[in-house]
Structure formats: C-alpha cells, structure tokens
Amino acid sequence: MRPAVLFTVLLALGGSPAWADTQPAEQGRGDAIRVTSLNDGRFRFVLGPAQSVLDLGSGLSGCTGSLYDGATGEQYGGNVRARVLDEVRGAGFWYVVMQVNTNTGCNVQGLCGAGLSTDMLWLKLDVRLRAVARQAASVEDCGTDTELTQFDGRRPEGDDPRLEMRGGVLSLESRQDDYTRKVTTVTALRYDRRSPERGLVRSTRQMPLK
C-alpha cells in the first residue's frame, strides 16, 4: 500500500499516520518504563519523574530519517516502530529489550524502499534511565538479504514480524546470503530474562550458498 493511500485510510479510521511526530512503543500495560519512538532513531524513556532521550539510530539497519517518494517528491516524516519485549530490574539497573522496525530505505520508490528491517536492541539503564551499555542486532533487512528463519511469534502478511518470548527466553535465527562469496551465514540470537546482564548472546555458522 502506498503511503498516500495509507494516510487516507488512517484518517478515515480516526487514527494517526504511522509517520506522526512520535509513536508510543507497543508494550505491556504493566511495564514500569514507558517508551516512545521519536521517529528519528531517538527514544524517550519515562519511569515516574525520571526520563531520558537516547539516540539509538546508529544501531538500526533501516531508515531513521524522513520517508519520501522519489517519484513525486512527497515527504512523509519518520517511521520507526518499537515493541518492548522485556523489562527487568537487577542489581540497581534496568534491562530493556526492544524490537525496532523501520523501512529499509527512505525512498519508498527506491531499492528496498518498500522493504522492512527489524533490529533487536538490548539496553542496560541506570536509575536515571541513562544507557550504561547497549547492544544491537539486525535480524531482518532487505538491503543485506537478511531474513528471519526461526522465531517465536507470527508474521502478519505484509507487516512487521511480531517476535515473542517464550518461557522468559527470546530465541531466533536469521539467514544472510552473500552471493559474491557464495556463502550463507546463519546467526542465532538468544536472550534470557533470568540473566539479563548477559544481553543478546549471538552465535554464527557458515555454509555454502545453495
């Protein structure tokens, strides 16, 4: 669906366009820290009187700028969508795990402009919600031929994958095909909320491209 058409549909339904100035993250009502995407790679974190804005754009594989139509010159603003998969506190720190979805390209008519990118972010925050440590992992990206192959959750047709944790564990695999080297790299990613300080644990293996 083209952005202009989507904008019309959202207005008809009384909703806000996906590229509004800010987008609250999809998260559980009981989550202590509330997260909002500022649609440019920055995120606002709020816990009672404490709040911070963290620029996490460097860890995202897709477009964190404004979307635009290269054929018409129309501008649509940013569209950085977040889902909070886990929040847990331990040893005086907060650990937050988010799935962040973006358009792969900023030009919606360009190469991979209609493609989607999905990244996992792990954050270690202090009591003032400042980032003490962070990790990012690209798990699906049109631009690098990276595809999610195994995960808990579902993939609505034509929409972002909805990754889920099972038994307090996030476990997934993605595949990246390198047609120049004729190699496929499979990356396994695991996060366990029982030991959140370990972050996103990755392992890779390579095989000949088939």
Protein backbone atom coordinates (compact mmCIF):
# COMPACT_ATOMS: atom_id res chain seq x y z
CA MET A 1 0.00 0.00 0.00
CA ARG A 2 1.45 3.40 -0.97
CA PRO A 3 1.98 5.92 1.87
CA ALA A 4 -0.54 8.41 0.46
CA VAL A 5 -3.22 5.73 0.40
CA LEU A 6 -2.34 4.57 3.91
CA PHE A 7 -2.58 8.16 5.18
CA THR A 8 -6.11 8.46 3.80
CA VAL A 9 -7.18 5.17 5.34
CA LEU A 10 -5.82 6.14 8.77
CA LEU A 11 -7.61 9.48 8.72
CA ALA A 12 -10.84 7.75 7.75
CA LEU A 13 -10.45 5.42 10.74
CA GLY A 14 -9.73 8.31 13.07
CA GLY A 15 -6.15 7.19 13.71
CA SER A 16 -2.75 8.81 13.46
CA PRO A 17 -0.46 8.19 10.48
CA ALA A 18 2.49 5.85 11.08
CA TRP A 19 4.88 8.76 10.49
CA ALA A 20 3.46 11.03 13.21
CA ASP A 21 5.94 13.07 15.27
CA THR A 22 6.08 10.37 17.96
CA GLN A 23 4.90 6.79 18.30
CA PRO A 24 4.37 5.12 21.68
CA ALA A 25 6.04 1.71 21.71
CA GLU A 26 3.82 -1.33 21.77
CA GLN A 27 4.30 -2.71 25.26
CA GLY A 28 2.53 -4.30 28.20
CA ARG A 29 0.37 -2.13 30.45
CA GLY A 30 2.36 -3.32 33.45
CA ASP A 31 5.74 -2.23 32.08
CA ALA A 32 7.31 0.20 34.51
CA ILE A 33 9.32 2.11 31.88
CA ARG A 34 7.23 3.69 29.14
CA VAL A 35 8.94 4.03 25.77
CA THR A 36 8.13 6.38 22.91
CA SER A 37 9.77 6.46 19.48
CA LEU A 38 10.57 9.97 18.27
CA ASN A 39 10.67 8.57 14.72
CA ASP A 40 14.27 9.57 14.04
CA GLY A 41 16.20 6.85 15.87
CA ARG A 42 15.77 8.52 19.25
CA PHE A 43 13.57 7.07 22.00
CA ARG A 44 12.12 8.63 25.14
CA PHE A 45 12.17 6.50 28.32
CA VAL A 46 10.00 7.53 31.27
CA LEU A 47 9.80 6.00 34.76
CA GLY A 48 7.95 8.21 37.25
CA PRO A 49 9.85 11.52 37.46
CA ALA A 50 12.89 10.12 35.67
CA GLN A 51 13.13 10.35 31.91
CA SER A 52 15.77 10.34 29.22
CA VAL A 53 16.06 10.52 25.45
CA LEU A 54 18.52 8.07 23.92
CA ASP A 55 19.75 8.23 20.34
CA LEU A 56 19.83 4.58 19.23
CA GLY A 57 19.77 5.24 15.49
CA SER A 58 23.34 4.02 14.91
CA GLY A 59 22.23 0.52 15.88
CA LEU A 60 19.34 0.40 13.40
CA SER A 61 19.75 -1.07 9.94
CA GLY A 62 16.86 0.74 8.25
CA CYS A 63 15.79 4.32 7.58
CA THR A 64 15.71 6.64 10.59
CA GLY A 65 15.18 9.78 8.51
CA SER A 66 12.10 11.07 6.76
CA LEU A 67 10.41 8.84 4.22
CA TYR A 68 9.83 10.35 0.81
CA ASP A 69 8.53 9.39 -2.60
CA GLY A 70 11.36 9.78 -5.12
CA ALA A 71 8.88 9.89 -8.00
CA THR A 72 6.66 12.69 -6.67
CA GLY A 73 8.86 14.40 -4.09
CA GLU A 74 6.27 13.92 -1.36
CA GLN A 75 7.61 13.82 2.22
CA TYR A 76 6.10 11.63 4.93
CA GLY A 77 8.27 12.05 8.04
CA GLY A 78 9.95 9.26 10.00
CA ASN A 79 8.53 5.83 10.77
CA VAL A 80 10.49 3.99 13.47
CA ARG A 81 8.25 1.48 15.24
CA ALA A 82 9.13 -0.19 18.54
CA ARG A 83 7.85 -3.15 20.57
CA VAL A 84 9.12 -3.69 24.11
CA LEU A 85 9.64 -7.43 24.63
CA ASP A 86 11.09 -7.34 28.13
CA GLU A 87 11.83 -5.07 31.06
CA VAL A 88 13.53 -6.41 34.19
CA ARG A 89 15.40 -4.86 37.08
CA GLY A 90 18.50 -6.33 38.68
CA ALA A 91 21.42 -5.10 40.84
CA GLY A 92 20.28 -1.49 40.60
CA PHE A 93 19.92 -1.44 36.81
CA TRP A 94 17.06 -1.77 34.36
CA TYR A 95 17.36 -4.03 31.33
CA VAL A 96 15.12 -3.33 28.34
CA VAL A 97 14.83 -5.45 25.19
CA MET A 98 13.07 -3.95 22.17
CA GLN A 99 12.20 -5.00 18.65
CA VAL A 100 12.52 -1.99 16.34
CA ASN A 101 11.05 -1.97 12.83
CA THR A 102 11.83 0.51 10.08
CA ASN A 103 11.51 0.88 6.33
CA THR A 104 14.75 -0.40 4.81
CA GLY A 105 15.07 2.62 2.52
CA CYS A 106 13.99 6.22 2.96
CA ASN A 107 12.86 6.50 -0.67
CA VAL A 108 9.66 4.44 -0.74
CA GLN A 109 10.02 4.09 -4.51
CA GLY A 110 13.71 3.16 -4.40
CA LEU A 111 15.58 -0.11 -3.95
CA CYS A 112 14.14 -1.81 -0.84
CA GLY A 113 12.07 1.31 -0.17
CA ALA A 114 9.04 -0.87 0.45
CA GLY A 115 11.15 -3.45 2.30
CA LEU A 116 11.25 -3.81 6.06
CA SER A 117 14.11 -4.01 8.53
CA THR A 118 13.94 -5.46 12.04
CA ASP A 119 16.55 -4.95 14.74
CA MET A 120 16.82 -6.16 18.32
CA LEU A 121 18.08 -3.70 20.92
CA TRP A 122 19.26 -4.52 24.45
CA LEU A 123 19.79 -1.69 26.90
CA LYS A 124 21.24 -1.51 30.40
CA LEU A 125 19.91 1.63 32.09
CA ASP A 126 20.82 3.23 35.38
CA VAL A 127 18.28 4.68 37.84
CA ARG A 128 18.20 7.91 35.80
CA LEU A 129 17.48 5.90 32.64
CA ARG A 130 20.87 6.70 31.15
CA ALA A 131 22.38 3.99 28.95
CA VAL A 132 25.25 2.21 30.68
CA ALA A 133 25.57 -0.41 27.94
CA ARG A 134 23.75 -1.30 24.76
CA GLN A 135 23.66 -3.95 22.04
CA ALA A 136 22.03 -4.03 18.62
CA ALA A 137 21.47 -6.90 16.21
CA SER A 138 19.95 -6.80 12.74
CA VAL A 139 17.71 -9.86 12.35
CA GLU A 140 15.93 -8.98 9.11
CA ASP A 141 16.91 -6.47 6.46
CA CYS A 142 16.03 -6.23 2.77
CA GLY A 143 19.20 -4.29 1.99
CA THR A 144 21.57 -7.01 3.20
CA ASP A 145 19.45 -10.06 2.22
CA THR A 146 19.00 -10.93 5.90
CA GLU A 147 15.89 -12.96 6.66
CA LEU A 148 14.32 -14.27 9.86
CA THR A 149 14.06 -18.03 9.52
CA GLN A 150 13.12 -19.22 13.03
CA PHE A 151 11.38 -17.30 15.81
CA ASP A 152 8.55 -17.47 18.31
CA GLY A 153 5.67 -15.24 17.29
CA ARG A 154 3.98 -14.61 14.00
CA ARG A 155 4.35 -12.67 10.78
CA PRO A 156 1.17 -10.90 9.62
CA GLU A 157 1.07 -10.75 5.84
CA GLY A 158 2.78 -7.63 4.56
CA ASP A 159 3.53 -6.36 8.08
CA ASP A 160 6.34 -6.37 10.64
CA PRO A 161 7.14 -9.71 12.28
CA ARG A 162 5.82 -9.95 15.83
CA LEU A 163 8.63 -11.55 17.84
CA GLU A 164 7.70 -13.04 21.19
CA MET A 165 9.49 -14.50 24.19
CA ARG A 166 8.64 -17.99 25.36
CA GLY A 167 9.29 -19.03 28.96
CA GLY A 168 11.25 -15.82 29.51
CA VAL A 169 13.55 -16.56 26.58
CA LEU A 170 13.88 -14.85 23.21
CA SER A 171 15.33 -17.26 20.67
CA LEU A 172 15.59 -16.72 16.93
CA GLU A 173 17.69 -17.42 13.86
CA SER A 174 18.32 -15.31 10.79
CA ARG A 175 20.00 -16.10 7.48
CA GLN A 176 22.14 -13.85 5.33
CA ASP A 177 23.09 -14.85 1.79
CA ASP A 178 26.31 -13.48 0.28
CA TYR A 179 26.02 -14.08 -3.46
CA THR A 180 29.51 -12.73 -4.16
CA ARG A 181 31.27 -15.11 -1.78
CA LYS A 182 28.58 -17.79 -2.27
CA VAL A 183 28.26 -18.19 1.49
CA THR A 184 25.23 -18.32 3.75
CA THR A 185 25.67 -17.11 7.33
CA VAL A 186 23.17 -18.29 9.93
CA THR A 187 23.05 -16.27 13.14
CA ALA A 188 21.36 -17.49 16.30
CA LEU A 189 20.30 -14.88 18.84
CA ARG A 190 19.23 -15.61 22.43
CA TYR A 191 18.19 -13.50 25.40
CA ASP A 192 17.17 -14.93 28.80
CA ARG A 193 15.47 -12.63 31.31
CA ARG A 194 16.79 -14.78 34.16
CA SER A 195 20.26 -13.43 33.35
CA PRO A 196 19.52 -10.12 31.59
CA GLU A 197 23.03 -8.79 32.21
CA ARG A 198 24.33 -11.20 29.56
CA GLY A 199 22.44 -9.29 26.90
CA LEU A 200 21.93 -10.63 23.39
CA VAL A 201 24.02 -13.78 23.03
CA ARG A 202 24.94 -14.47 19.39
CA SER A 203 26.49 -17.41 17.60
CA THR A 204 27.10 -17.86 13.88
CA ARG A 205 27.83 -20.62 11.44
CA GLN A 206 28.56 -20.56 7.73
CA MET A 207 27.73 -22.92 4.91
CA PRO A 208 27.97 -22.91 1.11
CA LEU A 209 25.21 -20.93 -0.57
CA LYS A 210 22.66 -23.21 -2.20
